Amino acid sequence: MDYTNCDSCVKSVVEKFIVRSEMGKKKYGTDLDRDDLSVLDWIHHAQEEHMDAILYLEKLKQEISKKTKLP
């Protein structure tokens, strides 16, 4: 697939996906083409990732709130 006509945001995200995929393969010795997990296993992994994302967003909200409050 040719990404040369994509905007800078798309290119940045695609590059991050590629780097993350390479990192995961190096760290875990496998990738998403694996076939040893059930559908429920994949759902469980996705839930855990989303729970982490919600925690990160909450932390960012707290940090922004601390910085925008008047003394």
PDB file of N, CA and C in Angstrom:
ATOM      1  N   MET A   1       0.844  -1.179   0.000  1.00  0.00           N
ATOM      2  CA  MET A   1       0.000   0.000   0.000  1.00  0.00           C
ATOM      3  C   MET A   1       0.887   1.239   0.000  1.00  0.00           C
ATOM      4  N   ASP A   2       0.492   2.218  -0.746  1.00  0.00           N
ATOM      5  CA  ASP A   2       1.258   3.450  -0.888  1.00  0.00           C
ATOM      6  C   ASP A   2       0.692   4.526   0.039  1.00  0.00           C
ATOM      7  N   TYR A   3       1.538   5.014   0.939  1.00  0.00           N
ATOM      8  CA  TYR A   3       1.112   6.037   1.902  1.00  0.00           C
ATOM      9  C   TYR A   3       1.653   7.415   1.552  1.00  0.00           C
ATOM     10  N   THR A   4       2.237   7.579   0.387  1.00  0.00           N
ATOM     11  CA  THR A   4       2.870   8.856   0.053  1.00  0.00           C
ATOM     12  C   THR A   4       1.867   9.993  -0.098  1.00  0.00           C
ATOM     13  N   ASN A   5       0.629   9.697  -0.431  1.00  0.00           N
ATOM     14  CA  ASN A   5      -0.374  10.751  -0.599  1.00  0.00           C
ATOM     15  C   ASN A   5      -1.180  11.013   0.667  1.00  0.00           C
ATOM     16  N   CYS A   6      -0.837  10.353   1.758  1.00  0.00           N
ATOM     17  CA  CYS A   6      -1.566  10.539   3.015  1.00  0.00           C
ATOM     18  C   CYS A   6      -1.072  11.786   3.733  1.00  0.00           C
ATOM     19  N   ASP A   7      -1.929  12.336   4.580  1.00  0.00           N
ATOM     20  CA  ASP A   7      -1.504  13.488   5.360  1.00  0.00           C
ATOM     21  C   ASP A   7      -0.531  13.059   6.464  1.00  0.00           C
ATOM     22  N   SER A   8       0.091  14.025   7.085  1.00  0.00           N
ATOM     23  CA  SER A   8       1.137  13.743   8.065  1.00  0.00           C
ATOM     24  C   SER A   8       0.615  12.966   9.277  1.00  0.00           C
ATOM     25  N   CYS A   9      -0.623  13.179   9.654  1.00  0.00           N
ATOM     26  CA  CYS A   9      -1.191  12.460  10.805  1.00  0.00           C
ATOM     27  C   CYS A   9      -1.342  10.974  10.481  1.00  0.00           C
ATOM     28  N   VAL A  10      -1.845  10.674   9.300  1.00  0.00           N
ATOM     29  CA  VAL A  10      -2.001   9.277   8.887  1.00  0.00           C
ATOM     30  C   VAL A  10      -0.633   8.610   8.815  1.00  0.00           C
ATOM     31  N   LYS A  11       0.339   9.279   8.204  1.00  0.00           N
ATOM     32  CA  LYS A  11       1.681   8.721   8.107  1.00  0.00           C
ATOM     33  C   LYS A  11       2.266   8.446   9.490  1.00  0.00           C
ATOM     34  N   SER A  12       2.064   9.361  10.412  1.00  0.00           N
ATOM     35  CA  SER A  12       2.576   9.199  11.768  1.00  0.00           C
ATOM     36  C   SER A  12       1.962   7.991  12.459  1.00  0.00           C
ATOM     37  N   VAL A  13       0.653   7.821  12.320  1.00  0.00           N
ATOM     38  CA  VAL A  13      -0.035   6.692  12.953  1.00  0.00           C
ATOM     39  C   VAL A  13       0.398   5.372  12.312  1.00  0.00           C
ATOM     40  N   VAL A  14       0.505   5.336  10.996  1.00  0.00           N
ATOM     41  CA  VAL A  14       0.935   4.117  10.308  1.00  0.00           C
ATOM     42  C   VAL A  14       2.329   3.725  10.787  1.00  0.00           C
ATOM     43  N   GLU A  15       3.229   4.701  10.869  1.00  0.00           N
ATOM     44  CA  GLU A  15       4.589   4.419  11.329  1.00  0.00           C
ATOM     45  C   GLU A  15       4.578   3.890  12.766  1.00  0.00           C
ATOM     46  N   LYS A  16       3.746   4.462  13.610  1.00  0.00           N
ATOM     47  CA  LYS A  16       3.646   3.985  15.000  1.00  0.00           C
ATOM     48  C   LYS A  16       3.131   2.546  15.061  1.00  0.00           C
ATOM     49  N   PHE A  17       2.168   2.210  14.202  1.00  0.00           N
ATOM     50  CA  PHE A  17       1.667   0.827  14.149  1.00  0.00           C
ATOM     51  C   PHE A  17       2.784  -0.129  13.729  1.00  0.00           C
ATOM     52  N   ILE A  18       3.577   0.271  12.751  1.00  0.00           N
ATOM     53  CA  ILE A  18       4.663  -0.583  12.278  1.00  0.00           C
ATOM     54  C   ILE A  18       5.689  -0.790  13.389  1.00  0.00           C
ATOM     55  N   VAL A  19       6.080   0.292  14.052  1.00  0.00           N
ATOM     56  CA  VAL A  19       7.049   0.195  15.144  1.00  0.00           C
ATOM     57  C   VAL A  19       6.498  -0.668  16.270  1.00  0.00           C
ATOM     58  N   ARG A  20       5.232  -0.472  16.603  1.00  0.00           N
ATOM     59  CA  ARG A  20       4.615  -1.259  17.682  1.00  0.00           C
ATOM     60  C   ARG A  20       4.564  -2.744  17.312  1.00  0.00           C
ATOM     61  N   SER A  21       4.252  -3.041  16.070  1.00  0.00           N
ATOM     62  CA  SER A  21       4.214  -4.425  15.614  1.00  0.00           C
ATOM     63  C   SER A  21       5.590  -5.073  15.731  1.00  0.00           C
ATOM     64  N   GLU A  22       6.613  -4.350  15.299  1.00  0.00           N
ATOM     65  CA  GLU A  22       7.980  -4.871  15.388  1.00  0.00           C
ATOM     66  C   GLU A  22       8.391  -5.090  16.846  1.00  0.00           C
ATOM     67  N   MET A  23       8.037  -4.143  17.717  1.00  0.00           N
ATOM     68  CA  MET A  23       8.356  -4.252  19.134  1.00  0.00           C
ATOM     69  C   MET A  23       7.650  -5.458  19.757  1.00  0.00           C
ATOM     70  N   GLY A  24       6.372  -5.647  19.426  1.00  0.00           N
ATOM     71  CA  GLY A  24       5.610  -6.772  19.959  1.00  0.00           C
ATOM     72  C   GLY A  24       6.178  -8.104  19.512  1.00  0.00           C
ATOM     73  N   LYS A  25       6.560  -8.169  18.262  1.00  0.00           N
ATOM     74  CA  LYS A  25       7.138  -9.421  17.744  1.00  0.00           C
ATOM     75  C   LYS A  25       8.446  -9.739  18.454  1.00  0.00           C
ATOM     76  N   LYS A  26       9.270  -8.699  18.681  1.00  0.00           N
ATOM     77  CA  LYS A  26      10.538  -8.903  19.373  1.00  0.00           C
ATOM     78  C   LYS A  26      10.290  -9.290  20.843  1.00  0.00           C
ATOM     79  N   LYS A  27       9.358  -8.623  21.494  1.00  0.00           N
ATOM     80  CA  LYS A  27       9.101  -8.856  22.923  1.00  0.00           C
ATOM     81  C   LYS A  27       8.412 -10.193  23.179  1.00  0.00           C
ATOM     82  N   TYR A  28       7.399 -10.516  22.355  1.00  0.00           N
ATOM     83  CA  TYR A  28       6.578 -11.699  22.607  1.00  0.00           C
ATOM     84  C   TYR A  28       6.877 -12.871  21.661  1.00  0.00           C
ATOM     85  N   GLY A  29       7.677 -12.622  20.644  1.00  0.00           N
ATOM     86  CA  GLY A  29       8.017 -13.681  19.701  1.00  0.00           C
ATOM     87  C   GLY A  29       6.878 -14.090  18.792  1.00  0.00           C
ATOM     88  N   THR A  30       5.862 -13.246  18.674  1.00  0.00           N
ATOM     89  CA  THR A  30       4.715 -13.553  17.815  1.00  0.00           C
ATOM     90  C   THR A  30       4.052 -12.250  17.403  1.00  0.00           C
ATOM     91  N   ASP A  31       3.051 -12.354  16.551  1.00  0.00           N
ATOM     92  CA  ASP A  31       2.304 -11.183  16.117  1.00  0.00           C
ATOM     93  C   ASP A  31       0.818 -11.524  16.058  1.00  0.00           C
ATOM     94  N   LEU A  32       0.037 -10.648  15.487  1.00  0.00           N
ATOM     95  CA  LEU A  32      -1.411 -10.854  15.461  1.00  0.00           C
ATOM     96  C   LEU A  32      -1.858 -11.919  14.465  1.00  0.00           C
ATOM     97  N   ASP A  33      -0.928 -12.454  13.699  1.00  0.00           N
ATOM     98  CA  ASP A  33      -1.262 -13.564  12.801  1.00  0.00           C
ATOM     99  C   ASP A  33      -1.274 -14.903  13.533  1.00  0.00           C
ATOM    100  N   ARG A  34      -1.001 -14.875  14.805  1.00  0.00           N
ATOM    101  CA  ARG A  34      -0.987 -16.110  15.599  1.00  0.00           C
ATOM    102  C   ARG A  34      -2.373 -16.748  15.616  1.00  0.00           C
ATOM    103  N   ASP A  35      -2.409 -18.054  15.854  1.00  0.00           N
ATOM    104  CA  ASP A  35      -3.695 -18.757  15.862  1.00  0.00           C
ATOM    105  C   ASP A  35      -3.899 -19.594  17.117  1.00  0.00           C
ATOM    106  N   ASP A  36      -3.174 -19.243  18.179  1.00  0.00           N
ATOM    107  CA  ASP A  36      -3.273 -20.014  19.416  1.00  0.00           C
ATOM    108  C   ASP A  36      -4.239 -19.413  20.431  1.00  0.00           C
ATOM    109  N   LEU A  37      -4.899 -18.323  20.085  1.00  0.00           N
ATOM    110  CA  LEU A  37      -5.846 -17.696  21.001  1.00  0.00           C
ATOM    111  C   LEU A  37      -7.273 -17.853  20.478  1.00  0.00           C
ATOM    112  N   SER A  38      -8.192 -18.028  21.410  1.00  0.00           N
ATOM    113  CA  SER A  38      -9.609 -18.125  21.043  1.00  0.00           C
ATOM    114  C   SER A  38     -10.186 -16.727  20.857  1.00  0.00           C
ATOM    115  N   VAL A  39     -11.386 -16.674  20.344  1.00  0.00           N
ATOM    116  CA  VAL A  39     -12.074 -15.395  20.200  1.00  0.00           C
ATOM    117  C   VAL A  39     -12.215 -14.729  21.566  1.00  0.00           C
ATOM    118  N   LEU A  40     -12.555 -15.509  22.579  1.00  0.00           N
ATOM    119  CA  LEU A  40     -12.680 -14.936  23.926  1.00  0.00           C
ATOM    120  C   LEU A  40     -11.343 -14.420  24.447  1.00  0.00           C
ATOM    121  N   ASP A  41     -10.246 -15.106  24.117  1.00  0.00           N
ATOM    122  CA  ASP A  41      -8.923 -14.610  24.502  1.00  0.00           C
ATOM    123  C   ASP A  41      -8.650 -13.246  23.870  1.00  0.00           C
ATOM    124  N   TRP A  42      -8.974 -13.116  22.585  1.00  0.00           N
ATOM    125  CA  TRP A  42      -8.766 -11.836  21.896  1.00  0.00           C
ATOM    126  C   TRP A  42      -9.628 -10.739  22.518  1.00  0.00           C
ATOM    127  N   ILE A  43     -10.866 -11.069  22.858  1.00  0.00           N
ATOM    128  CA  ILE A  43     -11.751 -10.090  23.506  1.00  0.00           C
ATOM    129  C   ILE A  43     -11.168  -9.673  24.849  1.00  0.00           C
ATOM    130  N   HIS A  44     -10.665 -10.637  25.614  1.00  0.00           N
ATOM    131  CA  HIS A  44     -10.062 -10.343  26.915  1.00  0.00           C
ATOM    132  C   HIS A  44      -8.866  -9.390  26.754  1.00  0.00           C
ATOM    133  N   HIS A  45      -7.999  -9.669  25.787  1.00  0.00           N
ATOM    134  CA  HIS A  45      -6.854  -8.790  25.537  1.00  0.00           C
ATOM    135  C   HIS A  45      -7.315  -7.379  25.178  1.00  0.00           C
ATOM    136  N   ALA A  46      -8.314  -7.287  24.326  1.00  0.00           N
ATOM    137  CA  ALA A  46      -8.822  -5.975  23.920  1.00  0.00           C
ATOM    138  C   ALA A  46      -9.410  -5.217  25.105  1.00  0.00           C
ATOM    139  N   GLN A  47     -10.144  -5.924  25.959  1.00  0.00           N
ATOM    140  CA  GLN A  47     -10.709  -5.279  27.153  1.00  0.00           C
ATOM    141  C   GLN A  47      -9.607  -4.727  28.042  1.00  0.00           C
ATOM    142  N   GLU A  48      -8.557  -5.512  28.264  1.00  0.00           N
ATOM    143  CA  GLU A  48      -7.458  -5.053  29.106  1.00  0.00           C
ATOM    144  C   GLU A  48      -6.784  -3.820  28.516  1.00  0.00           C
ATOM    145  N   GLU A  49      -6.575  -3.831  27.206  1.00  0.00           N
ATOM    146  CA  GLU A  49      -5.957  -2.674  26.552  1.00  0.00           C
ATOM    147  C   GLU A  49      -6.829  -1.430  26.678  1.00  0.00           C
ATOM    148  N   HIS A  50      -8.138  -1.599  26.527  1.00  0.00           N
ATOM    149  CA  HIS A  50      -9.045  -0.458  26.637  1.00  0.00           C
ATOM    150  C   HIS A  50      -9.137   0.048  28.076  1.00  0.00           C
ATOM    151  N   MET A  51      -9.091  -0.852  29.038  1.00  0.00           N
ATOM    152  CA  MET A  51      -9.100  -0.416  30.437  1.00  0.00           C
ATOM    153  C   MET A  51      -7.853   0.417  30.728  1.00  0.00           C
ATOM    154  N   ASP A  52      -6.713  -0.010  30.215  1.00  0.00           N
ATOM    155  CA  ASP A  52      -5.493   0.771  30.386  1.00  0.00           C
ATOM    156  C   ASP A  52      -5.658   2.149  29.752  1.00  0.00           C
ATOM    157  N   ALA A  53      -6.222   2.198  28.550  1.00  0.00           N
ATOM    158  CA  ALA A  53      -6.412   3.476  27.859  1.00  0.00           C
ATOM    159  C   ALA A  53      -7.297   4.417  28.666  1.00  0.00           C
ATOM    160  N   ILE A  54      -8.356   3.898  29.265  1.00  0.00           N
ATOM    161  CA  ILE A  54      -9.243   4.724  30.090  1.00  0.00           C
ATOM    162  C   ILE A  54      -8.476   5.284  31.297  1.00  0.00           C
ATOM    163  N   LEU A  55      -7.628   4.460  31.900  1.00  0.00           N
ATOM    164  CA  LEU A  55      -6.826   4.931  33.030  1.00  0.00           C
ATOM    165  C   LEU A  55      -5.874   6.044  32.600  1.00  0.00           C
ATOM    166  N   TYR A  56      -5.243   5.897  31.440  1.00  0.00           N
ATOM    167  CA  TYR A  56      -4.342   6.932  30.949  1.00  0.00           C
ATOM    168  C   TYR A  56      -5.106   8.231  30.694  1.00  0.00           C
ATOM    169  N   LEU A  57      -6.298   8.131  30.112  1.00  0.00           N
ATOM    170  CA  LEU A  57      -7.109   9.323  29.860  1.00  0.00           C
ATOM    171  C   LEU A  57      -7.522   9.996  31.167  1.00  0.00           C
ATOM    172  N   GLU A  58      -7.878   9.204  32.165  1.00  0.00           N
ATOM    173  CA  GLU A  58      -8.254   9.776  33.463  1.00  0.00           C
ATOM    174  C   GLU A  58      -7.068  10.511  34.087  1.00  0.00           C
ATOM    175  N   LYS A  59      -5.888   9.924  34.000  1.00  0.00           N
ATOM    176  CA  LYS A  59      -4.694  10.571  34.525  1.00  0.00           C
ATOM    177  C   LYS A  59      -4.445  11.894  33.824  1.00  0.00           C
ATOM    178  N   LEU A  60      -4.576  11.915  32.512  1.00  0.00           N
ATOM    179  CA  LEU A  60      -4.386  13.156  31.767  1.00  0.00           C
ATOM    180  C   LEU A  60      -5.415  14.210  32.155  1.00  0.00           C
ATOM    181  N   LYS A  61      -6.667  13.804  32.339  1.00  0.00           N
ATOM    182  CA  LYS A  61      -7.701  14.745  32.784  1.00  0.00           C
ATOM    183  C   LYS A  61      -7.333  15.347  34.124  1.00  0.00           C
ATOM    184  N   GLN A  62      -6.869  14.519  35.057  1.00  0.00           N
ATOM    185  CA  GLN A  62      -6.480  15.016  36.379  1.00  0.00           C
ATOM    186  C   GLN A  62      -5.323  16.001  36.269  1.00  0.00           C
ATOM    187  N   GLU A  63      -4.338  15.688  35.436  1.00  0.00           N
ATOM    188  CA  GLU A  63      -3.192  16.579  35.263  1.00  0.00           C
ATOM    189  C   GLU A  63      -3.618  17.917  34.658  1.00  0.00           C
ATOM    190  N   ILE A  64      -4.473  17.871  33.648  1.00  0.00           N
ATOM    191  CA  ILE A  64      -4.966  19.098  33.032  1.00  0.00           C
ATOM    192  C   ILE A  64      -5.775  19.901  34.047  1.00  0.00           C
ATOM    193  N   SER A  65      -6.614  19.240  34.825  1.00  0.00           N
ATOM    194  CA  SER A  65      -7.428  19.932  35.826  1.00  0.00           C
ATOM    195  C   SER A  65      -6.555  20.624  36.863  1.00  0.00           C
ATOM    196  N   LYS A  66      -5.488  19.979  37.282  1.00  0.00           N
ATOM    197  CA  LYS A  66      -4.571  20.580  38.263  1.00  0.00           C
ATOM    198  C   LYS A  66      -3.928  21.841  37.699  1.00  0.00           C
ATOM    199  N   LYS A  67      -3.587  21.812  36.428  1.00  0.00           N
ATOM    200  CA  LYS A  67      -2.876  22.924  35.808  1.00  0.00           C
ATOM    201  C   LYS A  67      -3.791  24.077  35.441  1.00  0.00           C
ATOM    202  N   THR A  68      -5.075  23.808  35.265  1.00  0.00           N
ATOM    203  CA  THR A  68      -5.985  24.872  34.826  1.00  0.00           C
ATOM    204  C   THR A  68      -6.763  25.495  35.971  1.00  0.00           C
ATOM    205  N   LYS A  69      -6.645  24.937  37.173  1.00  0.00           N
ATOM    206  CA  LYS A  69      -7.334  25.526  38.327  1.00  0.00           C
ATOM    207  C   LYS A  69      -6.618  26.801  38.763  1.00  0.00           C
ATOM    208  N   LEU A  70      -7.409  27.769  39.135  1.00  0.00           N
ATOM    209  CA  LEU A  70      -6.843  29.020  39.623  1.00  0.00           C
ATOM    210  C   LEU A  70      -6.374  28.830  41.064  1.00  0.00           C
ATOM    211  N   PRO A  71      -5.284  29.496  41.412  1.00  0.00           N
ATOM    212  CA  PRO A  71      -4.767  29.346  42.794  1.00  0.00           C
ATOM    213  C   PRO A  71      -5.724  29.858  43.844  1.00  0.00           C
TER     214      PRO A  71
END
